[in-house]
Amino acid sequence: MATNHQYTSKIVWTGNLGTGTNTYRGYERTWEIRTPGKPAVSCSNDPLLGGNPELHNPEDLLLSALASCHMLWYLHLASNAGIAVSAYEDFPLGFGETEKNGAGRFLQATLRPKIVVPMGTNLKEADAIHREIHKYCYIARSVAFPISYEATYREQ
């Protein structure tokens, strides 16, 4: 039987320049994510839509959440399989589209982890783990776009 969970977050708009949304160009598209007991995360709109390119945007956060969830499940399943991962980093790539009216969406994502494993590791077995993760990863199971994987391995 499934167990239900609740997640919470607080989103606070920080872009009021003094006149609110009185004019379209008169406010910033910035906010903070304030989750109780955790550091605030400063965010902005996608730079293509006038946001601050130095801050995280929703697209960055979704892609990062997807890659992070994948990584955590990979580490778990690798440990269960007796594969001792010593380093893992990912360089995910999201592909999106924006329609003329401004509506956008992700079309697909490619996760590109670089994984370090011990010499002699069965790399086919290590790679097969990626195909199992979609059964478990909360984020991957929640998105409506395809996810592919291009993992590379280094033995040491």
Foldseek 3Di string as FASTA:
>chain_A
DDDDDDDDKDKAAPWQPPPPPPDVPRTFQWIWIDDPPDDIAIAGDDVVVVIDPVGHHPVNVLQVLVLVLLVVQLCVVCVVVVWDWPDKDWDKDWAKDADPVGDMDTAEMEIEMEIETAPPDPVVVSVVSSVVSCVPRPSSVPDDHYYHYHYHYDHD
